[in-house]
Amino acid sequence: MSKKITKIDNFGGNNKSEGYTNMVDYGGLLTACADYTTGSQEALAALRDCVVYSVHGSDHPNASGLAIYYPLEVQTQAELKTFESVCLSPYYLSYVDKRTQGFVSAGEDYEYDDDTWFPGGFWSWLTDYDEDEDGDYEYEEDDDDYWSYLGESGDTGQSPYITFYEEPQVDDDGIYYFILDDEGYENTADVIAYVYTLTEDGEGYIEIGETYDLEADWDEGYFADAFDGYWLSLPDGQNLATYIVDTTDDYIIYSSPILLNDEETNLRIRQTYDGAITVEGAWDGIGNNGISSRNIVKIGTGDTIIPVYYSYDWDDEEDVYYGEEYDVEGKLRVDYSLLLEGEYLYSFCIDDIYGDYYMTDPVAFYVDADGEVMFGY
């Protein structure tokens, strides 16, 4: 179920560049779980009766009209405690709890008690309401925060749930690949790749983003590089740092952090598989209040753009790197251009079903003047 839920329609970015709302389409969630439970069709019928009016744009053509919280990226104890206080189903809350405990346990065996949330157990929104002197009911928070087990847990980048039949390596033909073992396969939700360029002083590397340019054989658990050396770029040749927002059978939507007229925002780009590229505009992402911005800002003559990148030193200390200012003339165009000749790095990022990921060691590749990509050169 977790594997399928990570693939359904979600709202508000939910990526490194724009932040996380952790809101997914409820109809998509019911459909994702249909093979593992009974009553899904009745639930979908009830959802259709519930939604009396909805509007959706081209980015969400199959949206059902109702969204639900799902921890694509668990962020704080407070987030989970808030969800506990409004969740209407002990069964769903138990599922969220079980997934979060899997995230925290870091691969160690743990025993989960389903009765924790079910009637007769700790179902706090039913049991912790007390009538005050005016006859009203108020919620009294527990002194002991159930979700404190989350502690300081966060993404490790080395998920212990991802295990291999053949470790990531470059073969004699210069192909960077890995093969998951049975356990690793069951625990894998998605595989993408990251591409980096080296800093001018050689003291670190700059992340230019995520890509699905890889060969994926899900039947065999085999994954290999399939990078063609091309990247989304401004007309002046600067590569944009791109992060995947959504994929469909027809297109990929990317987000790219930028400064637009010296203000932090994100460039939204749609690339179809036949090569068409559309700049949808600038979107501010998730605000400090956790709410998605509702405005897409169009970009044109007179605007200035500075690409923004995450950069790292060799001890993996993160910083921010800024590109050069680009003055927009007319309608902003983004090209799919060959990377400049030089050395780059490529890593696989393997998402596990609990919300953590495994980042493989970066492997160097070289792009020559003719566009040939050589790994392990």
Protein backbone atom coordinates (compact mmCIF):
# COMPACT_ATOMS: atom_id res chain seq x y z
CA MET A 1 0.00 0.00 0.00
CA SER A 2 2.80 2.43 0.89
CA LYS A 3 4.46 1.89 -2.49
CA LYS A 4 1.29 2.73 -4.37
CA ILE A 5 0.34 5.69 -2.16
CA THR A 6 3.66 7.42 -2.91
CA LYS A 7 2.70 7.38 -6.61
CA ILE A 8 -0.78 8.95 -6.32
CA ASP A 9 -1.73 12.56 -6.96
CA ASN A 10 -0.63 14.95 -4.22
CA PHE A 11 -0.96 18.67 -3.66
CA GLY A 12 1.26 21.58 -2.71
CA GLY A 13 4.66 20.60 -4.06
CA ASN A 14 5.89 17.87 -1.69
CA ASN A 15 9.48 18.14 -2.83
CA LYS A 16 12.82 19.41 -1.57
CA SER A 17 12.54 22.74 -3.35
CA GLU A 18 9.00 23.77 -2.41
CA GLY A 19 8.29 22.07 0.92
CA TYR A 20 5.72 19.52 2.04
CA THR A 21 1.98 19.74 2.69
CA ASN A 22 1.65 15.94 2.98
CA MET A 23 -1.78 16.11 1.37
CA VAL A 24 -2.68 13.36 -1.10
CA ASP A 25 -5.77 12.72 -3.20
CA TYR A 26 -8.29 10.69 -1.21
CA GLY A 27 -9.69 8.93 -4.26
CA GLY A 28 -6.16 7.99 -5.27
CA LEU A 29 -5.45 6.61 -1.80
CA LEU A 30 -8.61 4.47 -1.85
CA THR A 31 -7.68 3.15 -5.29
CA ALA A 32 -4.08 2.44 -4.21
CA CYS A 33 -5.35 0.32 -1.32
CA ALA A 34 -8.11 -1.46 -3.27
CA ASP A 35 -6.12 -4.64 -3.91
CA TYR A 36 -5.43 -5.14 -0.20
CA THR A 37 -8.79 -4.58 1.43
CA THR A 38 -12.53 -4.92 0.99
CA GLY A 39 -15.04 -2.13 0.64
CA SER A 40 -12.93 0.13 -1.55
CA GLN A 41 -15.60 0.49 -4.22
CA GLU A 42 -18.21 1.41 -1.63
CA ALA A 43 -15.81 3.97 -0.18
CA LEU A 44 -15.16 5.46 -3.63
CA ALA A 45 -18.91 5.66 -4.26
CA ALA A 46 -19.34 7.47 -0.94
CA LEU A 47 -16.56 9.86 -1.89
CA ARG A 48 -18.30 10.68 -5.17
CA ASP A 49 -21.51 11.39 -3.26
CA CYS A 50 -19.63 13.53 -0.75
CA VAL A 51 -17.95 15.84 -3.28
CA VAL A 52 -20.69 18.03 -4.72
CA TYR A 53 -18.44 20.48 -6.58
CA SER A 54 -14.79 20.49 -7.59
CA VAL A 55 -12.49 22.24 -10.03
CA HIS A 56 -9.05 21.01 -11.04
CA GLY A 57 -6.42 22.14 -13.50
CA SER A 58 -4.37 20.26 -16.04
CA ASP A 59 -1.77 19.22 -13.42
CA HIS A 60 -4.39 17.21 -11.50
CA PRO A 61 -6.77 15.77 -14.11
CA ASN A 62 -7.82 12.82 -11.94
CA ALA A 63 -8.22 14.64 -8.63
CA SER A 64 -11.25 13.39 -6.70
CA GLY A 65 -12.05 16.68 -4.97
CA LEU A 66 -10.99 15.66 -1.46
CA ALA A 67 -7.49 15.36 0.01
CA ILE A 68 -6.23 13.59 3.12
CA TYR A 69 -3.09 13.83 5.24
CA TYR A 70 -0.41 11.23 4.51
CA PRO A 71 3.19 11.59 5.81
CA LEU A 72 5.12 11.57 2.54
CA GLU A 73 7.78 13.38 4.59
CA VAL A 74 7.39 13.17 8.39
CA GLN A 75 8.58 16.50 9.70
CA THR A 76 7.69 17.13 13.36
CA GLN A 77 5.96 15.57 16.35
CA ALA A 78 3.57 18.53 16.33
CA GLU A 79 2.40 17.66 12.81
CA LEU A 80 1.46 14.12 13.86
CA LYS A 81 -0.13 15.29 17.11
CA THR A 82 -2.28 17.76 15.19
CA PHE A 83 -3.37 15.00 12.83
CA GLU A 84 -4.23 12.76 15.78
CA SER A 85 -6.53 15.46 17.17
CA VAL A 86 -8.58 15.71 13.96
CA CYS A 87 -8.34 12.21 12.46
CA LEU A 88 -11.73 10.49 12.23
CA SER A 89 -10.50 6.91 11.91
CA PRO A 90 -8.49 4.89 14.44
CA TYR A 91 -7.73 2.46 11.61
CA TYR A 92 -6.11 5.06 9.38
CA LEU A 93 -4.31 6.68 12.32
CA SER A 94 -2.94 3.24 13.20
CA TYR A 95 -1.62 2.90 9.65
CA VAL A 96 0.09 6.32 9.81
CA ASP A 97 1.53 5.43 13.22
CA LYS A 98 2.82 2.06 12.02
CA ARG A 99 4.54 3.65 9.01
CA THR A 100 6.11 6.34 11.22
CA GLN A 101 7.39 3.78 13.71
CA GLY A 102 8.94 1.90 10.80
CA PHE A 103 10.71 5.14 9.87
CA VAL A 104 12.04 5.61 13.41
CA SER A 105 13.05 1.99 14.03
CA ALA A 106 15.82 2.23 11.41
CA GLY A 107 15.49 -1.34 10.25
CA GLU A 108 15.30 -2.92 13.70
CA ASP A 109 12.46 -5.32 14.38
CA TYR A 110 9.63 -3.74 16.32
CA GLU A 111 6.32 -5.08 17.57
CA TYR A 112 3.32 -2.93 16.75
CA ASP A 113 0.13 -3.20 18.81
CA ASP A 114 -2.88 -2.49 16.61
CA ASP A 115 -4.99 -2.01 19.75
CA THR A 116 -3.11 1.22 20.49
CA TRP A 117 -5.68 3.30 18.62
CA PHE A 118 -8.71 1.05 18.27
CA PRO A 119 -11.81 1.26 20.47
CA GLY A 120 -10.79 0.24 23.96
CA GLY A 121 -7.27 1.53 23.36
CA PHE A 122 -5.71 4.99 23.31
CA TRP A 123 -8.23 6.71 21.03
CA SER A 124 -7.68 10.14 22.53
CA TRP A 125 -10.06 12.29 20.56
CA LEU A 126 -12.94 10.20 21.96
CA THR A 127 -11.63 9.67 25.47
CA ASP A 128 -9.98 12.99 26.34
CA TYR A 129 -12.92 15.37 26.00
CA ASP A 130 -14.26 16.66 29.33
CA GLU A 131 -17.38 18.69 29.99
CA ASP A 132 -16.64 22.08 31.53
CA GLU A 133 -18.83 24.01 33.97
CA ASP A 134 -20.81 25.61 31.13
CA GLY A 135 -21.73 22.23 29.66
CA ASP A 136 -19.31 22.57 26.76
CA TYR A 137 -16.73 19.98 25.81
CA GLU A 138 -13.07 20.82 25.57
CA TYR A 139 -10.07 18.80 24.55
CA GLU A 140 -7.50 18.17 27.24
CA GLU A 141 -4.09 17.28 25.91
CA ASP A 142 -2.20 14.41 27.51
CA ASP A 143 0.83 15.27 29.60
CA ASP A 144 2.66 12.47 27.86
CA ASP A 145 2.96 13.11 24.16
CA TYR A 146 2.46 9.80 22.37
CA TRP A 147 4.42 11.00 19.33
CA SER A 148 7.55 11.81 21.33
CA TYR A 149 9.01 8.56 20.02
CA LEU A 150 9.72 10.48 16.81
CA GLY A 151 12.35 12.42 18.76
CA GLU A 152 14.98 13.96 16.53
CA SER A 153 14.53 11.33 13.84
CA GLY A 154 14.96 12.47 10.28
CA ASP A 155 16.03 11.32 6.85
CA THR A 156 19.32 9.46 7.08
CA GLY A 157 20.19 9.07 3.41
CA GLN A 158 21.29 5.52 4.29
CA SER A 159 17.99 3.72 4.90
CA PRO A 160 18.70 0.29 6.42
CA TYR A 161 15.63 -1.08 4.65
CA ILE A 162 17.36 -0.83 1.25
CA THR A 163 19.48 -3.93 0.71
CA PHE A 164 21.14 -5.33 -2.40
CA TYR A 165 21.71 -8.53 -4.31
CA GLU A 166 24.45 -6.64 -6.16
CA GLU A 167 25.77 -3.45 -4.59
CA PRO A 168 25.87 -0.22 -6.67
CA GLN A 169 28.90 -0.40 -8.97
CA VAL A 170 30.24 0.45 -12.42
CA ASP A 171 30.64 -2.61 -14.65
CA ASP A 172 33.27 -3.24 -17.33
CA ASP A 173 31.09 -1.50 -19.93
CA GLY A 174 30.94 1.71 -17.90
CA ILE A 175 27.33 1.19 -16.72
CA TYR A 176 26.49 2.28 -13.17
CA TYR A 177 23.92 -0.14 -11.77
CA PHE A 178 22.60 -2.08 -8.77
CA ILE A 179 20.25 -5.01 -8.15
CA LEU A 180 17.96 -5.08 -5.10
CA ASP A 181 17.57 -8.28 -3.10
CA ASP A 182 14.10 -9.53 -2.15
CA GLU A 183 13.93 -7.54 1.09
CA GLY A 184 15.27 -4.38 -0.53
CA TYR A 185 12.78 -4.76 -3.37
CA GLU A 186 9.83 -5.04 -0.97
CA ASN A 187 10.98 -1.94 0.90
CA THR A 188 11.60 0.27 -2.17
CA ALA A 189 9.00 2.85 -3.13
CA ASP A 190 10.84 4.71 -5.93
CA VAL A 191 14.22 5.21 -7.58
CA ILE A 192 15.48 8.45 -9.11
CA ALA A 193 18.95 9.86 -9.79
CA TYR A 194 20.76 13.02 -8.72
CA VAL A 195 23.30 14.88 -10.85
CA TYR A 196 25.99 17.20 -9.50
CA THR A 197 28.64 19.47 -10.93
CA LEU A 198 31.92 20.24 -9.18
CA THR A 199 32.64 23.66 -7.70
CA GLU A 200 35.27 25.73 -9.48
CA ASP A 201 37.73 25.38 -6.58
CA GLY A 202 37.17 21.63 -6.32
CA GLU A 203 36.26 21.95 -2.64
CA GLY A 204 32.76 20.57 -3.11
CA TYR A 205 29.90 19.91 -5.49
CA ILE A 206 26.68 21.61 -6.58
CA GLU A 207 23.40 19.75 -6.93
CA ILE A 208 21.69 20.37 -10.24
CA GLY A 209 18.80 18.15 -9.35
CA GLU A 210 16.73 15.04 -9.89
CA THR A 211 16.12 12.98 -12.98
CA TYR A 212 14.34 9.83 -14.09
CA ASP A 213 17.06 9.27 -16.72
CA LEU A 214 17.72 5.71 -15.63
CA GLU A 215 16.86 2.20 -16.71
CA ALA A 216 14.38 0.58 -14.31
CA ASP A 217 13.44 -3.09 -14.45
CA TRP A 218 10.99 -3.43 -11.56
CA ASP A 219 10.39 -7.10 -12.31
CA GLU A 220 14.05 -7.94 -11.67
CA GLY A 221 14.93 -5.15 -9.23
CA TYR A 222 17.63 -3.96 -11.66
CA PHE A 223 18.42 -0.25 -12.05
CA ALA A 224 21.10 1.40 -14.17
CA ASP A 225 22.09 4.84 -15.41
CA ALA A 226 20.61 6.00 -18.69
CA PHE A 227 21.71 9.63 -18.57
CA ASP A 228 21.92 11.34 -21.96
CA GLY A 229 23.85 14.43 -20.87
CA TYR A 230 20.99 16.91 -21.39
CA TRP A 231 19.49 19.21 -18.76
CA LEU A 232 16.89 21.98 -18.44
CA SER A 233 18.70 25.30 -18.81
CA LEU A 234 18.15 29.02 -19.18
CA PRO A 235 18.82 30.50 -22.64
CA ASP A 236 22.21 31.78 -21.42
CA GLY A 237 23.31 28.17 -20.78
CA GLN A 238 22.96 28.09 -17.00
CA ASN A 239 21.64 24.72 -15.82
CA LEU A 240 18.63 24.98 -13.53
CA ALA A 241 18.44 22.94 -10.35
CA THR A 242 15.35 20.81 -11.03
CA TYR A 243 13.26 18.72 -8.63
CA ILE A 244 10.49 16.38 -9.72
CA VAL A 245 6.99 17.47 -8.67
CA ASP A 246 4.86 15.02 -10.63
CA THR A 247 5.01 12.52 -13.46
CA THR A 248 2.27 11.26 -15.77
CA ASP A 249 2.18 9.18 -18.93
CA ASP A 250 2.55 12.41 -20.92
CA TYR A 251 4.85 14.78 -19.01
CA ILE A 252 7.04 15.57 -16.01
CA ILE A 253 6.60 18.69 -13.90
CA TYR A 254 9.75 20.16 -12.34
CA SER A 255 10.33 22.82 -9.73
CA SER A 256 13.50 24.91 -9.73
CA PRO A 257 14.52 27.27 -6.88
CA ILE A 258 15.33 30.76 -8.15
CA LEU A 259 15.49 34.39 -7.15
CA LEU A 260 12.88 36.28 -9.18
CA ASN A 261 13.62 39.98 -8.96
CA ASP A 262 15.68 39.15 -5.83
CA GLU A 263 12.78 37.31 -4.12
CA GLU A 264 12.98 33.59 -3.33
CA THR A 265 10.50 31.46 -5.27
CA ASN A 266 10.31 28.39 -7.51
CA LEU A 267 10.09 28.09 -11.28
CA ARG A 268 7.50 25.55 -12.44
CA ILE A 269 8.36 23.76 -15.70
CA ARG A 270 6.43 21.14 -17.66
CA GLN A 271 8.33 18.87 -20.06
CA THR A 272 6.42 16.46 -22.28
CA TYR A 273 8.00 13.24 -23.48
CA ASP A 274 7.94 14.50 -27.07
CA GLY A 275 10.30 17.33 -26.07
CA ALA A 276 7.95 20.31 -25.58
CA ILE A 277 8.85 22.55 -22.63
CA THR A 278 6.45 25.01 -21.01
CA VAL A 279 7.31 27.51 -18.28
CA GLU A 280 4.16 27.74 -16.17
CA GLY A 281 5.44 30.57 -13.99
CA ALA A 282 6.84 31.14 -10.50
CA TRP A 283 5.27 29.61 -7.39
CA ASP A 284 6.26 30.45 -3.81
CA GLY A 285 5.66 26.95 -2.44
CA ILE A 286 4.68 26.25 1.16
CA GLY A 287 4.56 29.20 3.56
CA ASN A 288 5.64 29.22 7.22
CA ASN A 289 2.02 28.49 8.14
CA GLY A 290 2.13 25.26 6.12
CA ILE A 291 -0.31 26.55 3.50
CA SER A 292 0.38 26.41 -0.22
CA SER A 293 0.64 29.63 -2.18
CA ARG A 294 -2.34 30.00 -4.50
CA ASN A 295 -0.72 32.27 -7.05
CA ILE A 296 1.33 31.43 -10.13
CA VAL A 297 3.33 34.49 -11.19
CA LYS A 298 3.90 34.89 -14.92
CA ILE A 299 7.41 35.89 -16.00
CA GLY A 300 8.31 38.19 -18.87
CA THR A 301 10.29 41.18 -20.10
CA GLY A 302 11.88 43.19 -17.29
CA ASP A 303 12.12 40.30 -14.83
CA THR A 304 15.46 38.98 -13.63
CA ILE A 305 16.22 35.39 -12.63
CA ILE A 306 19.11 34.04 -10.58
CA PRO A 307 19.30 30.21 -10.35
CA VAL A 308 19.66 28.83 -6.80
CA TYR A 309 21.41 25.55 -5.98
CA TYR A 310 22.16 23.41 -2.96
CA SER A 311 25.88 22.93 -2.62
CA TYR A 312 27.96 20.63 -0.39
CA ASP A 313 31.54 20.30 0.73
CA TRP A 314 33.17 16.89 0.89
CA ASP A 315 31.98 16.50 4.50
CA ASP A 316 28.38 16.92 3.21
CA GLU A 317 27.87 20.28 4.92
CA GLU A 318 25.07 22.00 3.00
CA ASP A 319 25.19 25.56 1.69
CA VAL A 320 23.47 27.60 -1.01
CA TYR A 321 25.08 28.57 -4.30
CA TYR A 322 23.77 31.31 -6.60
CA GLY A 323 24.15 31.47 -10.36
CA GLU A 324 24.42 34.52 -12.59
CA GLU A 325 21.64 37.04 -13.18
CA TYR A 326 19.61 36.46 -16.33
CA ASP A 327 17.46 39.26 -17.79
CA VAL A 328 14.24 38.00 -19.33
CA GLU A 329 13.22 39.35 -22.71
CA GLY A 330 9.78 38.45 -24.00
CA LYS A 331 8.32 35.15 -22.85
CA LEU A 332 10.72 33.13 -20.69
CA ARG A 333 12.13 30.11 -22.50
CA VAL A 334 13.77 27.08 -20.95
CA ASP A 335 15.90 24.84 -23.16
CA TYR A 336 16.85 21.17 -22.91
CA SER A 337 20.55 21.54 -23.59
CA LEU A 338 23.64 19.39 -23.52
CA LEU A 339 25.70 19.89 -20.38
CA LEU A 340 28.95 21.76 -20.86
CA GLU A 341 31.96 19.58 -21.48
CA GLY A 342 33.40 18.43 -18.18
CA GLU A 343 33.18 16.16 -15.15
CA TYR A 344 29.99 15.52 -13.18
CA LEU A 345 28.71 13.20 -10.47
CA TYR A 346 25.69 10.86 -10.51
CA SER A 347 23.99 9.12 -7.57
CA PHE A 348 20.93 6.90 -7.26
CA CYS A 349 18.37 7.93 -4.66
CA ILE A 350 16.26 4.96 -3.50
CA ASP A 351 13.15 5.92 -1.50
CA ASP A 352 11.96 3.39 1.05
CA ILE A 353 8.29 2.81 1.97
CA TYR A 354 8.69 4.47 5.40
CA GLY A 355 9.79 7.92 4.20
CA ASP A 356 13.57 7.56 4.37
CA TYR A 357 15.94 7.04 1.43
CA TYR A 358 19.26 5.47 0.45
CA MET A 359 21.70 7.64 -1.49
CA THR A 360 24.38 5.65 -3.32
CA ASP A 361 27.96 6.88 -3.49
CA PRO A 362 28.37 9.37 -6.34
CA VAL A 363 30.15 8.12 -9.44
CA ALA A 364 32.01 10.46 -11.78
CA PHE A 365 31.01 10.74 -15.41
CA TYR A 366 32.36 12.89 -18.21
CA VAL A 367 30.49 14.70 -20.97
CA ASP A 368 32.69 15.34 -23.99
CA ALA A 369 32.31 18.00 -26.68
CA ASP A 370 30.27 15.63 -28.87
CA GLY A 371 27.79 14.88 -26.09
CA GLU A 372 29.06 11.40 -25.29
CA VAL A 373 28.54 10.45 -21.64
CA MET A 374 31.22 8.23 -20.10
CA PHE A 375 30.84 6.70 -16.63
CA GLY A 376 33.77 5.38 -14.63
CA TYR A 377 36.23 6.86 -17.12
